[in-house]
Amino acid sequence: MTYDLRRLRLRGLIARIPGTQRYIVTTYGLKVAFFYSKVYIRILRPGWAALTDDKRVDIPCPIGAILNKLDAEVDRLCSDAQLRAAA
């Protein structure tokens, strides 16, 4: 836990209360948490079915198409660098 708290503190998401072993969320940390929750609510949750390869789902999938294109590009870069997939 110390490692995780340190990483969050160094990124400015939390701050230690002087003289204690307690932390508080910074304003920046709240903004980051709010941003990620909005991304989840507006993009990931509604488009989750579009990210699958299930053809029974009749949802337009521009996000799925973009992610498939990104995945293909990452695969191409890995093959160019002669990296093998993790087991």
Protein backbone atom coordinates (compact mmCIF):
# COMPACT_ATOMS: atom_id res chain seq x y z
CA MET A 1 0.00 0.00 0.00
CA THR A 2 2.90 2.33 0.70
CA TYR A 3 4.00 2.02 -2.90
CA ASP A 4 0.54 2.85 -4.23
CA LEU A 5 0.09 5.81 -1.89
CA ARG A 6 3.52 7.14 -2.88
CA ARG A 7 2.68 6.90 -6.58
CA LEU A 8 -0.61 8.73 -6.07
CA ARG A 9 1.12 11.40 -3.96
CA LEU A 10 3.90 11.94 -6.50
CA ARG A 11 1.31 12.40 -9.24
CA GLY A 12 -0.51 15.00 -7.18
CA LEU A 13 -3.72 13.01 -6.74
CA ILE A 14 -3.48 12.86 -2.94
CA ALA A 15 -1.65 14.83 -0.25
CA ARG A 16 -0.49 13.69 3.17
CA ILE A 17 -1.86 15.52 6.19
CA PRO A 18 1.22 16.78 8.08
CA GLY A 19 1.95 14.99 11.35
CA THR A 20 -0.40 12.09 10.60
CA GLN A 21 -0.53 8.96 8.50
CA ARG A 22 -3.67 10.16 6.72
CA TYR A 23 -4.14 11.43 3.18
CA ILE A 24 -6.68 13.69 1.49
CA VAL A 25 -7.66 13.88 -2.14
CA THR A 26 -6.38 17.01 -3.89
CA THR A 27 -8.45 19.18 -6.19
CA TYR A 28 -6.53 17.76 -9.12
CA GLY A 29 -7.23 14.23 -7.85
CA LEU A 30 -10.95 14.96 -7.73
CA LYS A 31 -10.86 16.29 -11.29
CA VAL A 32 -9.06 13.18 -12.51
CA ALA A 33 -11.53 10.89 -10.71
CA PHE A 34 -14.45 12.88 -12.15
CA PHE A 35 -12.97 12.66 -15.66
CA TYR A 36 -12.52 8.89 -15.46
CA SER A 37 -15.99 8.36 -14.07
CA LYS A 38 -17.48 10.43 -16.92
CA VAL A 39 -15.48 8.45 -19.49
CA TYR A 40 -16.85 5.25 -18.01
CA ILE A 41 -20.44 6.50 -17.81
CA ARG A 42 -20.57 8.15 -21.25
CA ILE A 43 -18.28 5.94 -23.35
CA LEU A 44 -17.34 2.58 -21.87
CA ARG A 45 -20.57 1.45 -20.26
CA PRO A 46 -22.88 2.26 -23.22
CA GLY A 47 -20.37 1.08 -25.79
CA TRP A 48 -19.24 -2.08 -24.00
CA ALA A 49 -21.31 -4.32 -26.29
CA ALA A 50 -19.82 -2.58 -29.31
CA LEU A 51 -16.35 -3.55 -28.15
CA THR A 52 -17.11 -7.25 -28.36
CA ASP A 53 -17.02 -9.32 -31.52
CA ASP A 54 -20.57 -10.51 -30.91
CA LYS A 55 -22.44 -9.91 -34.18
CA ARG A 56 -25.86 -10.47 -32.52
CA VAL A 57 -25.58 -7.04 -30.93
CA ASP A 58 -27.07 -4.44 -33.26
CA ILE A 59 -25.18 -1.38 -32.04
CA PRO A 60 -23.18 0.96 -34.25
CA CYS A 61 -19.61 0.40 -33.20
CA PRO A 62 -17.37 3.31 -34.17
CA ILE A 63 -15.48 2.84 -30.91
CA GLY A 64 -15.06 -0.87 -31.60
CA ALA A 65 -13.78 -0.15 -35.11
CA ILE A 66 -11.26 2.37 -33.77
CA LEU A 67 -10.08 -0.03 -31.07
CA ASN A 68 -9.73 -2.83 -33.62
CA LYS A 69 -7.65 -0.51 -35.80
CA LEU A 70 -5.52 0.43 -32.78
CA ASP A 71 -5.05 -3.25 -31.90
CA ALA A 72 -3.95 -4.04 -35.45
CA GLU A 73 -1.46 -1.16 -35.35
CA VAL A 74 -0.02 -2.34 -32.02
CA ASP A 75 0.30 -5.86 -33.47
CA ARG A 76 2.10 -4.44 -36.51
CA LEU A 77 4.51 -2.45 -34.34
CA CYS A 78 5.23 -5.52 -32.22
CA SER A 79 5.91 -7.67 -35.25
CA ASP A 80 8.18 -4.96 -36.71
CA ALA A 81 10.10 -4.91 -33.43
CA GLN A 82 10.09 -8.73 -33.40
CA LEU A 83 8.29 -8.86 -30.05
CA ARG A 84 6.33 -11.99 -29.24
CA ALA A 85 3.00 -12.05 -27.44
CA ALA A 86 3.04 -12.67 -23.69
CA ALA A 87 2.15 -16.21 -22.69
